[in-house]
Amino acid sequence: MALIAAVARVSGRDGSTTRLLIVSRDAKRVTPAVGRKLDAAFPGFARVDFDARHDLVSSLSSHATVVVAGGDGTVGCVARALAGSRRRLGIVPLGTSTTLRTVSRFLRASTGQSAWSRPAQFEG
């Protein structure tokens, strides 16, 4: 299954996607204003709406950068799909903030430092 055939790709030499922004339309804080801020924050990224039925891996280059904006379910699904690969994953937590708290606690416990030195403002 192709990731999304109609997406204009940011492509590597082999035609695979190198930069992808996945946005959950169902996340509580994804508003049109937030969508515009995400587009501005990630220029040059192909943007797709999250759909768990799509194959997230086959269209990506082996060293792609993927940014996922959504809640726990969306972030977890994308993270599982990329686990064990060399692809970089960025997370913009836009659900009920449980993702942010979980990631922050994990990083603080494992590194002793806060995960977010300057949090971005994505609220509409």
C-alpha atoms as a PDB file:
ATOM      1  CA  MET A   1       0.000   0.000   0.000  1.00  0.00           C
ATOM      2  CA  ALA A   2       1.364   3.405  -0.881  1.00  0.00           C
ATOM      3  CA  LEU A   3       1.503   5.990   1.889  1.00  0.00           C
ATOM      4  CA  ILE A   4      -0.715   8.435   0.030  1.00  0.00           C
ATOM      5  CA  ALA A   5      -0.469   8.600  -3.742  1.00  0.00           C
ATOM      6  CA  ALA A   6      -1.650  12.190  -4.099  1.00  0.00           C
ATOM      7  CA  VAL A   7       0.952  13.717  -1.786  1.00  0.00           C
ATOM      8  CA  ALA A   8       3.598  15.933  -3.297  1.00  0.00           C
ATOM      9  CA  ARG A   9       6.772  14.306  -2.029  1.00  0.00           C
ATOM     10  CA  VAL A  10       9.979  15.690  -0.714  1.00  0.00           C
ATOM     11  CA  SER A  11      12.067  13.041  -2.372  1.00  0.00           C
ATOM     12  CA  GLY A  12      15.456  11.465  -2.164  1.00  0.00           C
ATOM     13  CA  ARG A  13      17.360  10.226  -5.204  1.00  0.00           C
ATOM     14  CA  ASP A  14      15.384   6.999  -5.294  1.00  0.00           C
ATOM     15  CA  GLY A  15      12.032   8.816  -5.182  1.00  0.00           C
ATOM     16  CA  SER A  16      11.304   7.950  -1.548  1.00  0.00           C
ATOM     17  CA  THR A  17       9.972  10.523   0.897  1.00  0.00           C
ATOM     18  CA  THR A  18      12.686  12.084   3.057  1.00  0.00           C
ATOM     19  CA  ARG A  19      10.617  14.525   5.172  1.00  0.00           C
ATOM     20  CA  LEU A  20       7.076  13.782   6.267  1.00  0.00           C
ATOM     21  CA  LEU A  21       4.664  15.573   8.616  1.00  0.00           C
ATOM     22  CA  ILE A  22       1.819  13.338   9.804  1.00  0.00           C
ATOM     23  CA  VAL A  23      -1.091  15.216  11.396  1.00  0.00           C
ATOM     24  CA  SER A  24      -3.999  13.687  13.288  1.00  0.00           C
ATOM     25  CA  ARG A  25      -7.171  15.526  12.331  1.00  0.00           C
ATOM     26  CA  ASP A  26      -8.868  13.846  15.310  1.00  0.00           C
ATOM     27  CA  ALA A  27      -6.525  15.284  17.950  1.00  0.00           C
ATOM     28  CA  LYS A  28      -8.406  17.687  20.196  1.00  0.00           C
ATOM     29  CA  ARG A  29      -6.063  20.611  19.645  1.00  0.00           C
ATOM     30  CA  VAL A  30      -5.660  20.368  15.855  1.00  0.00           C
ATOM     31  CA  THR A  31      -7.457  23.457  14.596  1.00  0.00           C
ATOM     32  CA  PRO A  32      -6.989  25.291  11.282  1.00  0.00           C
ATOM     33  CA  ALA A  33      -4.741  27.789  13.097  1.00  0.00           C
ATOM     34  CA  VAL A  34      -2.609  24.974  14.514  1.00  0.00           C
ATOM     35  CA  GLY A  35      -2.428  23.434  11.033  1.00  0.00           C
ATOM     36  CA  ARG A  36      -1.044  26.686   9.651  1.00  0.00           C
ATOM     37  CA  LYS A  37       1.515  26.868  12.462  1.00  0.00           C
ATOM     38  CA  LEU A  38       2.614  23.297  11.790  1.00  0.00           C
ATOM     39  CA  ASP A  39       3.033  24.056   8.087  1.00  0.00           C
ATOM     40  CA  ALA A  40       5.114  27.136   8.965  1.00  0.00           C
ATOM     41  CA  ALA A  41       7.207  25.212  11.512  1.00  0.00           C
ATOM     42  CA  PHE A  42       7.997  22.364   9.101  1.00  0.00           C
ATOM     43  CA  PRO A  43       8.581  23.899   5.666  1.00  0.00           C
ATOM     44  CA  GLY A  44       9.606  21.394   3.023  1.00  0.00           C
ATOM     45  CA  PHE A  45       7.811  18.514   4.716  1.00  0.00           C
ATOM     46  CA  ALA A  46       5.158  16.578   2.821  1.00  0.00           C
ATOM     47  CA  ARG A  47       2.024  16.763   5.002  1.00  0.00           C
ATOM     48  CA  VAL A  48      -0.474  13.913   5.270  1.00  0.00           C
ATOM     49  CA  ASP A  49      -3.456  13.223   7.482  1.00  0.00           C
ATOM     50  CA  PHE A  50      -2.941  10.278   9.798  1.00  0.00           C
ATOM     51  CA  ASP A  51      -4.668   7.055   8.806  1.00  0.00           C
ATOM     52  CA  ALA A  52      -3.633   3.874  10.619  1.00  0.00           C
ATOM     53  CA  ARG A  53      -4.581   1.814   7.559  1.00  0.00           C
ATOM     54  CA  HIS A  54      -1.818   3.361   5.445  1.00  0.00           C
ATOM     55  CA  ASP A  55       1.638   1.836   5.245  1.00  0.00           C
ATOM     56  CA  LEU A  56       3.886   4.391   6.927  1.00  0.00           C
ATOM     57  CA  VAL A  57       7.174   2.780   6.033  1.00  0.00           C
ATOM     58  CA  SER A  58       7.262   1.668   2.393  1.00  0.00           C
ATOM     59  CA  SER A  59       7.336   5.175   0.885  1.00  0.00           C
ATOM     60  CA  LEU A  60       9.980   6.553   3.259  1.00  0.00           C
ATOM     61  CA  SER A  61      13.690   6.712   2.594  1.00  0.00           C
ATOM     62  CA  SER A  62      15.804   4.686   5.006  1.00  0.00           C
ATOM     63  CA  HIS A  63      16.979   7.881   6.753  1.00  0.00           C
ATOM     64  CA  ALA A  64      13.751   9.897   6.581  1.00  0.00           C
ATOM     65  CA  THR A  65      12.693  12.442   9.155  1.00  0.00           C
ATOM     66  CA  VAL A  66       9.098  11.958  10.286  1.00  0.00           C
ATOM     67  CA  VAL A  67       7.235  14.420  12.493  1.00  0.00           C
ATOM     68  CA  VAL A  68       3.929  13.301  13.982  1.00  0.00           C
ATOM     69  CA  ALA A  69       1.440  15.785  15.417  1.00  0.00           C
ATOM     70  CA  GLY A  70      -1.392  14.250  17.386  1.00  0.00           C
ATOM     71  CA  GLY A  71      -2.449  12.426  20.500  1.00  0.00           C
ATOM     72  CA  ASP A  72      -1.204   9.276  22.179  1.00  0.00           C
ATOM     73  CA  GLY A  73      -2.833   6.907  19.693  1.00  0.00           C
ATOM     74  CA  THR A  74      -1.387   8.616  16.642  1.00  0.00           C
ATOM     75  CA  VAL A  75       2.061   9.048  18.164  1.00  0.00           C
ATOM     76  CA  GLY A  76       2.121   5.432  19.367  1.00  0.00           C
ATOM     77  CA  CYS A  77       1.056   4.035  15.998  1.00  0.00           C
ATOM     78  CA  VAL A  78       3.696   5.990  14.086  1.00  0.00           C
ATOM     79  CA  ALA A  79       6.408   5.223  16.662  1.00  0.00           C
ATOM     80  CA  ARG A  80       5.656   1.489  16.447  1.00  0.00           C
ATOM     81  CA  ALA A  81       5.777   1.609  12.653  1.00  0.00           C
ATOM     82  CA  LEU A  82       9.214   3.260  12.739  1.00  0.00           C
ATOM     83  CA  ALA A  83      10.671   1.268  15.655  1.00  0.00           C
ATOM     84  CA  GLY A  84      13.938  -0.434  14.818  1.00  0.00           C
ATOM     85  CA  SER A  85      14.547   1.695  11.735  1.00  0.00           C
ATOM     86  CA  ARG A  86      17.120   4.455  11.244  1.00  0.00           C
ATOM     87  CA  ARG A  87      14.410   7.033  10.652  1.00  0.00           C
ATOM     88  CA  ARG A  88      14.217  10.068  12.935  1.00  0.00           C
ATOM     89  CA  LEU A  89      10.946  10.757  14.717  1.00  0.00           C
ATOM     90  CA  GLY A  90       9.782  14.117  16.025  1.00  0.00           C
ATOM     91  CA  ILE A  91       6.686  14.456  18.184  1.00  0.00           C
ATOM     92  CA  VAL A  92       4.331  17.426  18.474  1.00  0.00           C
ATOM     93  CA  PRO A  93       1.888  16.391  21.224  1.00  0.00           C
ATOM     94  CA  LEU A  94      -1.566  17.745  20.389  1.00  0.00           C
ATOM     95  CA  GLY A  95      -3.883  15.384  22.211  1.00  0.00           C
ATOM     96  CA  THR A  96      -4.786  15.771  25.843  1.00  0.00           C
ATOM     97  CA  SER A  97      -1.137  16.430  26.768  1.00  0.00           C
ATOM     98  CA  THR A  98      -0.510  12.948  28.157  1.00  0.00           C
ATOM     99  CA  THR A  99       2.128  12.314  25.485  1.00  0.00           C
ATOM    100  CA  LEU A 100       4.053  15.404  26.530  1.00  0.00           C
ATOM    101  CA  ARG A 101       3.963  14.443  30.204  1.00  0.00           C
ATOM    102  CA  THR A 102       5.010  10.841  29.490  1.00  0.00           C
ATOM    103  CA  VAL A 103       7.914  11.781  27.218  1.00  0.00           C
ATOM    104  CA  SER A 104       9.050  14.515  29.584  1.00  0.00           C
ATOM    105  CA  ARG A 105       9.023  12.173  32.594  1.00  0.00           C
ATOM    106  CA  PHE A 106      10.914   9.488  30.666  1.00  0.00           C
ATOM    107  CA  LEU A 107      13.636  11.880  29.496  1.00  0.00           C
ATOM    108  CA  ARG A 108      13.964  13.478  32.919  1.00  0.00           C
ATOM    109  CA  ALA A 109      14.306  10.039  34.549  1.00  0.00           C
ATOM    110  CA  SER A 110      16.823   8.748  31.998  1.00  0.00           C
ATOM    111  CA  THR A 111      18.930  11.897  31.505  1.00  0.00           C
ATOM    112  CA  GLY A 112      18.210  14.053  34.533  1.00  0.00           C
ATOM    113  CA  GLN A 113      17.297  16.939  32.226  1.00  0.00           C
ATOM    114  CA  SER A 114      14.038  18.428  31.112  1.00  0.00           C
ATOM    115  CA  ALA A 115      12.936  17.436  27.609  1.00  0.00           C
ATOM    116  CA  TRP A 116      11.575  20.859  26.796  1.00  0.00           C
ATOM    117  CA  SER A 117      13.844  23.811  27.334  1.00  0.00           C
ATOM    118  CA  ARG A 118      11.619  26.120  25.271  1.00  0.00           C
ATOM    119  CA  PRO A 119       8.200  24.644  24.500  1.00  0.00           C
ATOM    120  CA  ALA A 120       6.633  25.625  21.189  1.00  0.00           C
ATOM    121  CA  GLN A 121       3.198  27.205  21.246  1.00  0.00           C
ATOM    122  CA  PHE A 122       0.820  25.377  18.887  1.00  0.00           C
ATOM    123  CA  GLU A 123      -2.489  26.379  20.381  1.00  0.00           C
ATOM    124  CA  GLY A 124      -4.906  28.083  18.027  1.00  0.00           C
END
